[in-house]
Protein backbone atom coordinates (compact mmCIF):
# COMPACT_ATOMS: atom_id res chain seq x y z
CA UNK A 1 111.89 36.34 247.09
CA UNK A 2 113.46 37.85 244.03
CA UNK A 3 112.33 35.04 241.82
CA UNK A 4 108.71 35.53 243.04
CA UNK A 5 108.88 39.29 242.58
CA UNK A 6 110.29 39.12 239.11
CA UNK A 7 108.43 36.09 237.58
CA UNK A 8 105.22 36.03 239.55
CA UNK A 9 104.39 39.56 240.78
CA UNK A 10 106.03 41.68 238.02
CA UNK A 11 104.17 40.10 235.08
CA UNK A 12 100.66 40.75 236.63
CA UNK A 13 101.61 44.31 237.69
CA UNK A 14 102.80 45.16 234.24
CA UNK A 15 99.76 43.54 232.62
CA UNK A 16 97.48 45.63 234.82
CA UNK A 17 99.38 48.76 233.90
CA UNK A 18 99.06 47.77 230.26
CA UNK A 19 95.27 47.37 230.40
CA UNK A 20 94.46 50.34 232.66
CA UNK A 21 96.99 52.63 230.83
CA UNK A 22 95.37 51.91 227.51
CA UNK A 23 91.97 52.82 228.96
CA UNK A 24 93.32 56.06 230.54
CA UNK A 25 95.23 56.99 227.36
CA UNK A 26 92.20 56.53 225.18
CA UNK A 27 89.91 58.53 227.44
CA UNK A 28 92.31 61.43 227.97
CA UNK A 29 94.60 61.55 224.95
CA UNK A 30 92.70 60.43 221.84
CA UNK A 31 94.37 63.11 219.77
CA UNK A 32 97.78 61.76 220.79
CA UNK A 33 96.88 58.19 219.82
CA UNK A 34 99.07 58.23 216.72
CA UNK A 35 102.54 57.20 215.60
CA UNK A 36 103.71 60.78 215.89
CA UNK A 37 105.11 60.24 212.39
CA UNK A 38 108.09 62.27 211.20
CA UNK A 39 107.80 61.35 207.59
CA UNK A 40 107.40 64.92 206.51
CA UNK A 41 110.79 65.70 208.00
CA UNK A 42 112.76 62.82 206.41
CA UNK A 43 111.58 60.10 203.96
CA UNK A 44 114.65 58.34 202.57
CA UNK A 45 115.90 56.59 205.70
CA UNK A 46 112.31 55.86 206.92
CA UNK A 47 111.47 54.15 203.67
CA UNK A 48 114.17 51.45 204.49
CA UNK A 49 114.00 51.32 208.28
CA UNK A 50 110.28 51.26 208.93
CA UNK A 51 109.43 48.17 206.66
CA UNK A 52 112.46 46.26 207.89
CA UNK A 53 111.55 47.00 211.54
CA UNK A 54 107.81 46.25 211.26
CA UNK A 55 108.11 43.11 209.23
CA UNK A 56 110.90 41.82 211.52
CA UNK A 57 108.88 42.59 214.59
CA UNK A 58 105.79 40.88 213.11
CA UNK A 59 107.67 37.63 212.40
CA UNK A 60 109.52 37.77 215.65
CA UNK A 61 106.27 38.09 217.61
CA UNK A 62 104.68 35.22 215.65
CA UNK A 63 107.65 33.05 216.40
CA UNK A 64 107.50 33.95 220.11
CA UNK A 65 103.83 33.13 220.14
CA UNK A 66 104.36 29.67 218.48
CA UNK A 67 107.23 28.74 220.76
CA UNK A 68 105.49 29.82 224.01
CA UNK A 69 101.88 28.89 223.47
CA UNK A 70 102.18 25.55 221.52
CA UNK A 71 103.19 22.62 223.76
CA UNK A 72 105.80 20.21 222.77
CA UNK A 73 103.31 17.38 222.79
CA UNK A 74 101.29 19.12 220.06
CA UNK A 75 104.19 19.31 217.63
CA UNK A 76 105.20 15.75 218.42
CA UNK A 77 101.65 14.66 217.72
CA UNK A 78 101.93 16.31 214.29
CA UNK A 79 105.03 14.27 213.51
CA UNK A 80 107.46 17.12 213.94
CA UNK A 81 110.51 15.96 215.90
CA UNK A 82 112.10 18.16 218.53
CA UNK A 83 115.30 18.49 216.40
CA UNK A 84 113.34 19.53 213.35
CA UNK A 85 111.32 22.14 215.37
CA UNK A 86 114.42 23.51 216.96
CA UNK A 87 116.36 23.89 213.55
CA UNK A 88 113.38 25.59 211.86
CA UNK A 89 112.69 27.86 214.84
CA UNK A 90 116.26 28.93 215.25
CA UNK A 91 116.73 29.57 211.50
CA UNK A 92 113.49 31.57 211.20
CA UNK A 93 114.13 33.43 214.39
CA UNK A 94 117.68 34.35 213.29
CA UNK A 95 116.39 35.71 209.98
CA UNK A 96 113.61 37.69 211.71
CA UNK A 97 116.03 38.98 214.27
CA UNK A 98 118.55 40.16 211.71
CA UNK A 99 115.79 42.01 209.71
CA UNK A 100 114.45 43.53 213.02
CA UNK A 101 117.91 44.67 214.15
CA UNK A 102 118.64 46.27 210.75
CA UNK A 103 115.37 48.20 210.76
CA UNK A 104 116.03 49.29 214.32
CA UNK A 105 119.54 50.48 213.68
CA UNK A 106 118.37 52.52 210.55
CA UNK A 107 115.53 54.11 212.64
CA UNK A 108 117.88 54.89 215.53
CA UNK A 109 120.46 56.45 213.13
CA UNK A 110 117.77 58.42 211.45
CA UNK A 111 116.25 59.78 214.66
CA UNK A 112 119.37 60.65 216.57
CA UNK A 113 122.08 61.35 214.04
CA UNK A 114 120.81 61.96 210.45
CA UNK A 115 118.21 64.69 211.13
CA UNK A 116 118.40 67.45 213.76
CA UNK A 117 114.79 68.18 213.07
CA UNK A 118 113.64 64.68 214.04
CA UNK A 119 115.93 64.70 217.08
CA UNK A 120 114.18 67.89 218.28
CA UNK A 121 110.79 66.39 218.14
CA UNK A 122 111.82 63.18 220.01
CA UNK A 123 110.07 63.08 223.38
CA UNK A 124 111.50 61.61 226.65
CA UNK A 125 109.15 58.62 226.36
CA UNK A 126 110.50 58.00 222.82
CA UNK A 127 114.01 57.81 224.30
CA UNK A 128 112.81 55.33 226.98
CA UNK A 129 111.06 53.28 224.34
CA UNK A 130 114.01 53.09 221.97
CA UNK A 131 116.40 52.25 224.86
CA UNK A 132 114.26 49.46 226.19
CA UNK A 133 113.59 48.13 222.70
CA UNK A 134 117.28 48.07 221.86
CA UNK A 135 118.14 46.19 224.99
CA UNK A 136 115.24 43.70 224.60
CA UNK A 137 116.02 43.02 220.97
CA UNK A 138 119.70 42.69 221.83
CA UNK A 139 119.05 40.15 224.59
CA UNK A 140 116.81 38.30 222.32
CA UNK A 141 119.46 38.04 219.59
CA UNK A 142 121.98 36.98 222.21
CA UNK A 143 119.89 34.05 223.32
CA UNK A 144 119.21 33.12 219.65
CA UNK A 145 122.57 33.44 218.16
CA UNK A 146 125.04 32.88 221.04
CA UNK A 147 123.17 30.02 222.67
CA UNK A 148 121.22 28.38 219.91
CA UNK A 149 123.36 29.01 216.74
CA UNK A 150 126.94 29.02 218.02
CA UNK A 151 126.34 27.56 221.49
CA UNK A 152 125.00 24.11 222.58
CA UNK A 153 121.38 25.14 222.28
CA UNK A 154 118.59 25.27 224.93
CA UNK A 155 115.22 23.63 224.72
CA UNK A 156 113.13 26.40 226.35
CA UNK A 157 109.76 24.80 225.62
CA UNK A 158 110.16 22.57 228.73
CA UNK A 159 110.76 25.39 231.14
CA UNK A 160 110.17 28.98 229.88
CA UNK A 161 107.19 28.07 227.75
CA UNK A 162 105.51 26.17 230.64
CA UNK A 163 106.05 29.12 232.93
CA UNK A 164 104.54 31.45 230.41
CA UNK A 165 101.37 29.37 229.94
CA UNK A 166 100.97 29.09 233.72
CA UNK A 167 100.59 32.82 233.92
CA UNK A 168 97.21 32.50 232.24
CA UNK A 169 95.96 30.05 234.85
CA UNK A 170 97.34 32.15 237.72
CA UNK A 171 99.76 29.40 238.83
CA UNK A 172 103.17 30.39 237.66
CA UNK A 173 106.13 28.50 238.91
CA UNK A 174 109.17 30.73 238.88
CA UNK A 175 111.51 27.79 239.40
CA UNK A 176 110.84 26.80 235.79
CA UNK A 177 112.15 30.02 234.22
CA UNK A 178 115.03 30.35 236.75
CA UNK A 179 116.18 26.82 235.61
CA UNK A 180 116.86 28.32 232.17
CA UNK A 181 119.94 30.31 231.33
CA UNK A 182 119.68 33.79 232.90
CA UNK A 183 119.37 35.54 229.56
CA UNK A 184 115.86 33.95 229.24
CA UNK A 185 114.87 35.60 232.49
CA UNK A 186 116.19 39.00 231.47
CA UNK A 187 114.33 38.71 228.18
CA UNK A 188 111.10 38.02 230.09
CA UNK A 189 111.59 40.89 232.57
CA UNK A 190 112.33 43.31 229.77
CA UNK A 191 109.23 42.18 227.95
CA UNK A 192 107.15 42.88 231.01
CA UNK A 193 108.63 46.41 231.40
CA UNK A 194 107.90 47.01 227.63
CA UNK A 195 104.21 46.07 228.31
CA UNK A 196 104.16 48.46 231.23
CA UNK A 197 105.32 51.51 229.17
CA UNK A 198 103.36 50.59 226.03
CA UNK A 199 100.26 52.74 226.78
CA UNK A 200 102.34 55.80 227.29
CA UNK A 201 104.28 55.61 224.09
CA UNK A 202 103.69 55.77 220.36
CA UNK A 203 103.22 51.94 220.43
CA UNK A 204 99.48 52.49 220.96
CA UNK A 205 99.17 53.01 217.23
CA UNK A 206 99.36 49.22 216.94
CA UNK A 207 95.67 48.95 217.95
CA UNK A 208 94.72 51.47 215.33
CA UNK A 209 95.82 49.60 212.23
CA UNK A 210 93.33 50.53 209.50
CA UNK A 211 92.00 47.06 208.77
CA UNK A 212 88.59 48.39 207.86
CA UNK A 213 90.26 50.38 204.98
CA UNK A 214 90.74 47.02 203.14
CA UNK A 215 86.95 46.45 203.07
CA UNK A 216 85.86 50.03 202.34
CA UNK A 217 83.72 50.66 199.16
CA UNK A 218 85.63 51.71 196.04
CA UNK A 219 85.82 55.44 195.30
CA UNK A 220 84.22 55.74 191.82
CA UNK A 221 85.21 58.58 189.59
CA UNK A 222 82.84 59.40 186.69
CA UNK A 223 82.89 61.92 183.87
CA UNK A 224 80.00 64.19 183.44
CA UNK A 225 78.98 66.68 180.68
CA UNK A 226 79.57 70.23 181.40
CA UNK A 227 77.49 73.06 180.14
CA UNK A 228 77.30 73.39 176.32
CA UNK A 229 80.49 74.69 174.87
CA UNK A 230 82.55 74.02 177.89
CA UNK A 231 83.66 70.39 177.18
CA UNK A 232 83.83 67.76 179.88
CA UNK A 233 85.01 67.90 183.43
CA UNK A 234 85.81 65.16 185.90
CA UNK A 235 83.75 64.79 188.97
């Protein structure tokens, strides 16, 4: 029963909250759809922590997507052996994880210890988000480093990845993920909970990345002649 609740029911419940929550948030709190940036309160620590956290998170997400969505048969068809894939994935995942952890630690220190002004503007949902992110990233690093770097390793693409893809066809088999080491199940459950709280936190700013800014027209500055005797001014 617990396997079914955690690995069949919970993912769909959290996904429903994720979708409906975003719609509700956008309709009722458009002015709060921001990062709630605290850059004006402290810049030095943010300048280091934010890029490390965001780049680490980006590469970690890309690595998860590749490992979970690409079947083993596809990489074998491309001539990539399971051993080569495992070595590259573990190495890249470790680097991304270290960068992500470094950024998270800096941001946590900045928010809760470095600046009293930032701690005052930290909301209860911020605290929930930071706590869940810290545990989720810690569990992810444990399965990467303890199991795959210093341990005997585990080929999750035959169990966890298959279960994950089955979610999209509404036929998840919980026995697949429970066959993996327990830490993989914890990682999946925490990821589902993170999806559930996403719409109610500052994470909504992910969907507001100013991509259109890259294609906007140039702002052209020209000189124009002023009235006689007054020289030139810039427009």
